[in-house]
Protein backbone atom coordinates (compact mmCIF):
# COMPACT_ATOMS: atom_id res chain seq x y z
CA UNK A 1 14.08 -8.81 48.91
CA UNK A 2 11.93 -9.22 45.83
CA UNK A 3 12.23 -12.57 44.12
CA UNK A 4 11.50 -12.37 40.35
CA UNK A 5 10.65 -15.72 38.78
CA UNK A 6 9.88 -16.39 35.12
CA UNK A 7 6.59 -18.15 34.51
CA UNK A 8 7.34 -21.00 32.08
CA UNK A 9 5.08 -23.94 32.98
CA UNK A 10 1.29 -24.12 32.41
CA UNK A 11 0.90 -23.82 36.20
CA UNK A 12 3.11 -20.77 36.34
CA UNK A 13 1.22 -19.08 33.50
CA UNK A 14 -2.06 -19.74 35.21
CA UNK A 15 -0.72 -18.12 38.32
CA UNK A 16 0.33 -15.15 36.15
CA UNK A 17 -3.18 -14.87 34.63
CA UNK A 18 -5.02 -15.20 38.01
CA UNK A 19 -2.89 -12.74 39.97
CA UNK A 20 -5.18 -9.73 39.25
CA UNK A 21 -8.23 -11.69 40.47
CA UNK A 22 -6.91 -11.35 44.01
CA UNK A 23 -5.56 -7.77 43.50
CA UNK A 24 -8.93 -6.50 42.39
CA UNK A 25 -11.17 -8.80 44.43
CA UNK A 26 -14.37 -6.84 45.32
CA UNK A 27 -13.77 -4.12 42.80
CA UNK A 28 -16.90 -2.78 41.08
CA UNK A 29 -14.86 -1.54 38.13
CA UNK A 30 -12.32 -4.24 37.26
CA UNK A 31 -13.45 -6.55 34.47
CA UNK A 32 -11.80 -9.97 34.65
CA UNK A 33 -10.53 -11.66 31.53
CA UNK A 34 -11.65 -15.16 30.55
CA UNK A 35 -8.86 -17.28 32.02
CA UNK A 36 -8.92 -19.78 29.13
CA UNK A 37 -8.50 -16.99 26.58
CA UNK A 38 -5.68 -15.32 28.46
CA UNK A 39 -3.79 -18.62 28.70
CA UNK A 40 -4.18 -19.09 24.87
CA UNK A 41 -2.83 -15.52 24.41
CA UNK A 42 0.39 -16.62 26.24
CA UNK A 43 0.55 -20.01 24.40
CA UNK A 44 3.33 -19.96 21.81
CA UNK A 45 1.67 -22.80 19.93
CA UNK A 46 -1.65 -20.99 19.61
CA UNK A 47 -0.98 -17.21 19.43
CA UNK A 48 0.55 -16.31 16.07
CA UNK A 49 1.99 -13.13 17.58
CA UNK A 50 4.85 -15.37 18.67
CA UNK A 51 5.93 -15.88 15.05
CA UNK A 52 7.22 -12.33 15.12
CA UNK A 53 7.67 -11.72 18.84
CA UNK A 54 9.33 -13.12 21.91
CA UNK A 55 7.79 -12.76 25.35
CA UNK A 56 8.82 -13.46 28.87
CA UNK A 57 6.37 -13.54 31.79
CA UNK A 58 7.62 -12.66 35.22
CA UNK A 59 6.10 -13.09 38.69
CA UNK A 60 7.33 -11.09 41.71
CA UNK A 61 7.33 -12.66 45.23
CA UNK A 62 8.00 -10.87 48.52
CA UNK A 63 8.50 -12.97 51.59
CA UNK A 64 7.21 -15.88 49.61
CA UNK A 65 3.92 -14.11 48.66
CA UNK A 66 2.93 -13.29 45.10
CA UNK A 67 2.89 -9.48 44.75
CA UNK A 68 3.19 -8.64 41.08
CA UNK A 69 3.55 -9.63 37.41
CA UNK A 70 4.74 -8.21 34.12
CA UNK A 71 5.14 -9.42 30.49
CA UNK A 72 8.29 -8.37 28.60
CA UNK A 73 7.72 -8.44 24.86
CA UNK A 74 10.04 -7.97 21.87
CA UNK A 75 8.21 -7.36 18.57
CA UNK A 76 10.75 -8.16 15.84
CA UNK A 77 8.68 -6.57 13.07
CA UNK A 78 8.72 -3.36 15.02
CA UNK A 79 12.44 -3.58 15.53
CA UNK A 80 13.69 -4.94 12.21
CA UNK A 81 11.27 -3.45 9.72
CA UNK A 82 10.13 -0.23 11.39
CA UNK A 83 13.51 0.43 13.05
CA UNK A 84 11.95 1.12 16.44
CA UNK A 85 14.45 -0.05 19.08
CA UNK A 86 11.70 -0.65 21.59
CA UNK A 87 11.22 -3.07 24.43
CA UNK A 88 7.50 -3.60 25.16
CA UNK A 89 5.99 -4.43 28.54
CA UNK A 90 2.39 -5.19 29.51
CA UNK A 91 0.10 -7.16 31.85
CA UNK A 92 1.76 -5.01 34.51
CA UNK A 93 0.16 -5.44 37.95
CA UNK A 94 1.46 -5.16 41.47
CA UNK A 95 0.66 -4.23 45.02
CA UNK A 96 1.34 -0.69 46.13
CA UNK A 97 4.98 -1.33 46.86
CA UNK A 98 7.66 0.68 44.98
CA UNK A 99 10.23 -2.02 45.54
CA UNK A 100 7.96 -4.56 43.72
CA UNK A 101 7.26 -2.37 40.76
CA UNK A 102 10.91 -1.37 40.51
CA UNK A 103 12.05 -4.97 40.44
CA UNK A 104 9.53 -5.86 37.70
CA UNK A 105 10.52 -2.88 35.55
CA UNK A 106 14.21 -3.63 36.06
CA UNK A 107 13.63 -7.15 34.77
CA UNK A 108 11.98 -5.72 31.64
CA UNK A 109 14.94 -3.38 31.18
CA UNK A 110 17.35 -6.26 31.58
CA UNK A 111 15.64 -8.14 28.69
CA UNK A 112 15.75 -4.99 26.56
CA UNK A 113 19.41 -4.36 27.12
CA UNK A 114 20.19 -8.03 26.31
CA UNK A 115 18.76 -7.36 22.87
CA UNK A 116 20.60 -3.98 22.67
CA UNK A 117 17.30 -2.08 22.52
CA UNK A 118 17.17 1.70 23.23
CA UNK A 119 14.04 2.14 25.30
CA UNK A 120 11.11 0.39 26.96
CA UNK A 121 7.43 1.39 26.71
CA UNK A 122 4.27 0.17 28.24
CA UNK A 123 1.82 -0.99 29.18
CA UNK A 124 1.22 -2.35 25.72
CA UNK A 125 0.50 -5.77 24.24
CA UNK A 126 1.88 -7.73 21.32
CA UNK A 127 0.17 -5.60 18.64
CA UNK A 128 -2.24 -2.79 17.99
CA UNK A 129 -5.28 -5.04 18.65
CA UNK A 130 -4.14 -5.74 22.24
CA UNK A 131 -4.95 -3.67 25.31
CA UNK A 132 -2.91 -0.51 25.82
CA UNK A 133 -2.04 2.07 28.49
CA UNK A 134 -2.17 2.53 32.24
CA UNK A 135 -5.40 4.16 33.46
CA UNK A 136 -4.75 7.58 34.82
CA UNK A 137 -8.33 8.97 35.10
CA UNK A 138 -11.76 7.35 35.33
CA UNK A 139 -11.09 4.81 38.15
CA UNK A 140 -14.81 5.02 39.10
CA UNK A 141 -16.02 3.77 35.68
CA UNK A 142 -16.37 0.13 34.86
CA UNK A 143 -13.68 -1.23 32.50
CA UNK A 144 -14.22 -3.04 29.22
CA UNK A 145 -13.13 -6.44 27.88
CA UNK A 146 -10.62 -4.64 25.62
CA UNK A 147 -8.91 -2.42 28.19
CA UNK A 148 -6.86 -2.81 31.28
CA UNK A 149 -8.07 -1.52 34.65
CA UNK A 150 -5.62 -0.54 37.39
CA UNK A 151 -5.42 1.02 40.78
CA UNK A 152 -4.65 4.84 40.90
CA UNK A 153 -1.12 4.27 42.28
CA UNK A 154 0.18 2.68 39.08
CA UNK A 155 1.03 5.96 37.39
CA UNK A 156 2.88 7.16 40.50
CA UNK A 157 4.99 4.03 40.39
CA UNK A 158 5.97 4.48 36.74
CA UNK A 159 6.97 8.09 37.26
CA UNK A 160 8.89 7.27 40.44
CA UNK A 161 10.99 4.77 38.49
CA UNK A 162 12.00 7.31 35.91
CA UNK A 163 9.50 6.64 33.17
CA UNK A 164 8.00 9.58 31.24
CA UNK A 165 4.80 9.84 29.32
CA UNK A 166 4.98 8.60 25.76
CA UNK A 167 1.38 8.46 24.42
CA UNK A 168 -2.00 9.50 25.91
CA UNK A 169 -5.35 8.01 24.98
CA UNK A 170 -8.89 9.21 25.56
CA UNK A 171 -11.97 7.05 26.23
CA UNK A 172 -15.26 8.66 25.41
CA UNK A 173 -18.89 7.73 25.58
CA UNK A 174 -22.27 9.27 24.70
CA UNK A 175 -25.93 8.35 25.10
CA UNK A 176 -27.43 6.80 21.97
CA UNK A 177 -30.17 9.39 22.11
CA UNK A 178 -27.44 11.93 20.98
CA UNK A 179 -27.25 10.12 17.63
CA UNK A 180 -29.41 12.24 15.35
CA UNK A 181 -29.73 11.08 11.72
CA UNK A 182 -30.02 14.72 10.54
CA UNK A 183 -26.26 14.95 10.82
CA UNK A 184 -25.49 12.17 8.36
CA UNK A 185 -28.55 11.02 6.48
CA UNK A 186 -28.28 13.55 3.65
CA UNK A 187 -24.51 13.22 3.51
CA UNK A 188 -24.49 9.45 3.24
CA UNK A 189 -26.97 9.57 0.32
CA UNK A 190 -24.70 12.10 -1.55
CA UNK A 191 -21.56 10.08 -0.78
CA UNK A 192 -23.07 6.85 -2.03
CA UNK A 193 -24.18 8.44 -5.24
CA UNK A 194 -20.98 10.45 -5.95
CA UNK A 195 -18.56 7.51 -5.37
CA UNK A 196 -20.90 4.64 -6.42
CA UNK A 197 -20.81 3.02 -3.07
CA UNK A 198 -23.18 0.71 -1.18
CA UNK A 199 -23.46 -0.59 2.37
CA UNK A 200 -23.29 -4.25 3.37
CA UNK A 201 -25.32 -5.49 6.37
CA UNK A 202 -25.31 -9.02 7.79
CA UNK A 203 -27.50 -11.31 9.82
CA UNK A 204 -25.26 -14.41 9.78
CA UNK A 205 -21.60 -14.65 10.72
CA UNK A 206 -20.83 -16.99 7.80
CA UNK A 207 -21.78 -14.23 5.36
CA UNK A 208 -19.15 -11.96 6.78
CA UNK A 209 -16.29 -14.49 6.26
CA UNK A 210 -15.58 -13.78 2.60
CA UNK A 211 -14.85 -10.10 3.52
CA UNK A 212 -12.78 -10.61 6.63
CA UNK A 213 -9.29 -10.78 5.01
CA UNK A 214 -10.15 -7.67 3.03
CA UNK A 215 -11.19 -5.98 6.24
CA UNK A 216 -7.82 -6.71 7.93
CA UNK A 217 -5.98 -5.52 4.80
CA UNK A 218 -7.95 -2.32 4.92
CA UNK A 219 -7.23 -2.02 8.65
CA UNK A 220 -3.49 -2.14 7.87
CA UNK A 221 -3.82 0.55 5.25
CA UNK A 222 -6.09 2.84 7.25
CA UNK A 223 -3.94 2.80 10.38
CA UNK A 224 -0.44 2.61 8.89
CA UNK A 225 0.29 6.27 9.62
CA UNK A 226 -0.35 6.03 13.35
CA UNK A 227 2.60 5.86 15.71
CA UNK A 228 3.84 2.34 16.61
CA UNK A 229 1.48 0.63 14.20
CA UNK A 230 2.40 -2.99 13.52
CA UNK A 231 0.54 -4.57 10.58
CA UNK A 232 -1.43 -7.80 10.93
CA UNK A 233 -0.11 -10.70 8.92
CA UNK A 234 -2.05 -13.50 7.27
CA UNK A 235 -1.65 -15.97 10.11
CA UNK A 236 -2.91 -13.43 12.61
CA UNK A 237 -5.91 -12.68 10.42
CA UNK A 238 -6.95 -16.33 10.63
CA UNK A 239 -6.33 -16.32 14.41
CA UNK A 240 -8.44 -13.19 15.09
CA UNK A 241 -11.14 -14.50 12.75
CA UNK A 242 -11.47 -17.76 14.62
CA UNK A 243 -11.10 -16.31 18.13
CA UNK A 244 -13.19 -13.14 18.04
CA UNK A 245 -15.69 -13.11 15.24
CA UNK A 246 -18.26 -15.26 16.98
CA UNK A 247 -18.26 -12.85 19.95
CA UNK A 248 -19.70 -10.14 17.68
CA UNK A 249 -23.31 -9.88 16.54
CA UNK A 250 -23.20 -10.11 12.78
CA UNK A 251 -25.54 -7.13 12.48
CA UNK A 252 -22.96 -5.05 14.47
CA UNK A 253 -20.46 -5.33 11.58
CA UNK A 254 -20.92 -2.87 8.72
CA UNK A 255 -19.03 -2.66 5.45
CA UNK A 256 -18.99 -0.18 2.53
CA UNK A 257 -17.98 -1.40 -0.86
CA UNK A 258 -17.38 0.30 -4.22
CA UNK A 259 -18.94 -0.56 -7.59
CA UNK A 260 -16.44 -3.45 -7.93
CA UNK A 261 -17.29 -4.88 -4.51
CA UNK A 262 -13.97 -3.73 -3.11
CA UNK A 263 -14.10 -2.99 0.58
CA UNK A 264 -13.45 0.72 1.27
CA UNK A 265 -14.74 1.19 4.81
CA UNK A 266 -15.71 -0.93 7.71
CA UNK A 267 -16.81 -0.69 11.34
CA UNK A 268 -17.02 -3.22 14.15
CA UNK A 269 -19.17 -2.71 17.22
CA UNK A 270 -19.36 -5.09 20.12
CA UNK A 271 -21.94 -5.54 22.87
CA UNK A 272 -20.53 -4.43 26.27
CA UNK A 273 -19.56 -7.66 27.98
CA UNK A 274 -18.21 -5.95 31.06
CA UNK A 275 -20.94 -6.92 33.53
CA UNK A 276 -21.23 -10.43 32.10
CA UNK A 277 -17.48 -10.95 32.57
CA UNK A 278 -17.69 -9.78 36.16
CA UNK A 279 -20.42 -12.36 36.85
CA UNK A 280 -18.36 -15.10 35.12
CA UNK A 281 -15.26 -14.52 37.32
CA UNK A 282 -12.99 -15.66 34.54
CA UNK A 283 -14.74 -18.95 33.81
CA UNK A 284 -16.73 -19.92 30.71
CA UNK A 285 -18.16 -23.11 32.28
CA UNK A 286 -20.44 -24.30 33.65
CA UNK A 287 -22.48 -21.13 33.66
CA UNK A 288 -20.30 -18.28 32.41
CA UNK A 289 -21.18 -18.87 28.80
CA UNK A 290 -24.80 -18.07 29.51
CA UNK A 291 -23.89 -14.60 30.89
CA UNK A 292 -22.00 -13.90 27.65
CA UNK A 293 -24.87 -15.14 25.45
CA UNK A 294 -27.37 -12.95 27.36
CA UNK A 295 -25.16 -9.93 27.03
CA UNK A 296 -24.70 -10.59 23.27
CA UNK A 297 -28.45 -11.10 22.66
CA UNK A 298 -29.84 -8.14 24.53
CA UNK A 299 -27.13 -5.49 24.96
CA UNK A 300 -27.97 -2.09 26.32
CA UNK A 301 -24.43 -0.62 25.99
CA UNK A 302 -22.21 -1.10 23.01
CA UNK A 303 -18.54 -0.47 22.26
CA UNK A 304 -17.26 0.94 18.99
CA UNK A 305 -14.22 -1.25 18.53
CA UNK A 306 -12.79 -0.35 15.10
CA UNK A 307 -13.57 1.98 12.23
CA UNK A 308 -11.42 1.96 9.15
CA UNK A 309 -11.63 3.90 5.89
CA UNK A 310 -9.32 3.45 2.85
CA UNK A 311 -6.86 6.32 2.64
CA UNK A 312 -8.31 7.28 -0.80
CA UNK A 313 -11.68 7.79 0.78
CA UNK A 314 -10.75 9.42 4.06
CA UNK A 315 -12.43 12.79 4.79
CA UNK A 316 -14.99 12.13 2.10
CA UNK A 317 -17.94 11.35 4.32
CA UNK A 318 -17.96 7.55 4.22
CA UNK A 319 -18.47 7.33 7.96
CA UNK A 320 -21.89 8.91 7.46
CA UNK A 321 -22.91 5.67 5.65
CA UNK A 322 -21.72 3.55 8.64
CA UNK A 323 -23.44 5.79 11.20
CA UNK A 324 -26.75 5.70 9.33
CA UNK A 325 -26.63 1.88 9.21
CA UNK A 326 -25.87 1.71 12.95
CA UNK A 327 -28.69 4.13 13.70
CA UNK A 328 -31.11 1.88 11.82
CA UNK A 329 -29.74 -1.26 13.57
CA UNK A 330 -29.60 0.12 17.18
CA UNK A 331 -32.79 2.08 17.35
CA UNK A 332 -35.14 -0.93 17.57
CA UNK A 333 -32.78 -2.65 19.98
CA UNK A 334 -33.04 0.06 22.61
CA UNK A 335 -29.31 0.70 22.85
CA UNK A 336 -28.66 3.21 25.61
CA UNK A 337 -24.90 4.04 25.69
CA UNK A 338 -22.20 4.14 23.07
CA UNK A 339 -18.65 3.59 24.34
CA UNK A 340 -15.45 4.15 22.34
CA UNK A 341 -12.19 2.37 22.74
CA UNK A 342 -8.99 4.24 23.60
CA UNK A 343 -8.01 6.78 20.95
CA UNK A 344 -4.72 8.64 20.68
CA UNK A 345 -5.13 12.20 21.93
CA UNK A 346 -3.38 13.54 18.79
CA UNK A 347 -5.75 11.66 16.42
CA UNK A 348 -7.79 14.76 15.73
CA UNK A 349 -9.48 13.14 12.73
CA UNK A 350 -11.20 10.52 14.86
CA UNK A 351 -12.24 13.14 17.47
CA UNK A 352 -13.87 15.24 14.74
CA UNK A 353 -15.71 12.16 13.56
CA UNK A 354 -17.70 12.01 16.79
CA UNK A 355 -18.27 15.65 17.56
CA UNK A 356 -21.98 15.69 16.61
CA UNK A 357 -22.72 13.09 19.26
CA UNK A 358 -21.45 15.29 22.05
CA UNK A 359 -19.15 12.65 23.65
CA UNK A 360 -17.79 12.97 27.17
CA UNK A 361 -14.31 11.87 28.08
CA UNK A 362 -14.72 9.61 31.05
CA UNK A 363 -11.32 7.88 31.09
CA UNK A 364 -7.71 8.67 30.16
CA UNK A 365 -4.77 6.32 29.86
CA UNK A 366 -1.12 6.63 28.98
CA UNK A 367 1.89 4.65 28.01
CA UNK A 368 5.26 5.45 29.62
CA UNK A 369 8.78 5.01 28.39
CA UNK A 370 12.34 4.89 29.80
CA UNK A 371 15.69 4.87 28.01
CA UNK A 372 17.74 1.72 28.51
């Protein structure tokens, strides 16, 4: 018998957050989250996602032993405004036991049916800025702080329980030495002159702040056409600004503005914190913060987190401006590897964007769905 219990107290939620630490103990590839940050993600008083979403967190026990977890999420914007009758599930982890995974998924389905929803899909988070997908290839590559890692048997479990593939994502990387300015230096000069654009670079986080709300507005416009996109509201903007901006080196954020100082393109790159997070083992203090600061100060690998271009300027070469600025920033820093976040396989525009850098697909991940 599998006993499914809802995590409601602070103690329960900490148990929920810490379950993968045992499941992946000794793994060279799993990247642990910061426990404090995960707990804040699940705190209804701190995470503004709960203004437009409901979430339940479930723990699975077998013979009294903790063996799995799952979050069941209802995003009301998605349901009421976008008319997507979807039950989300994420933070899905379990031992290799089909009875356990089945009980967890059945609990998600139960919540979905109680809201008269039509299907369930996951693994996904609250929004588009959360982690997404079950890893299906690339188990021998280290994860990132913005993706989930899982054992190879997860996909088998989902298929066994009647879920079918809904979306597929690719993760690519390339050595920085593949970045040749000859592909974009001339183009970016022409684009800046033709459209009266200029780049903005930063050395201090405080100087970025006046543009951050514009950046999130542009993100909403640039990604609105992608499937299952849920726009970021004003409260979420403030939350992400406070929580994440200090993680990012200010010189790793690039903006392009028009003659009226209106933001028309942006890019965010983060140092790879994967190895630092492994050393931290989920704890910022007393020494974990120093691992993060070291990784931030002298990164060798970087992750392209977000690139957004206003719809009016898409396919007009603005990314050449961003790439030129990153080339100038990263060359003296000795950056070795550029890693990209998961990108939808059907997003051909983004794949074309990187073709000159000869990227290699090193991971694939998918979301799975089942009718309710």
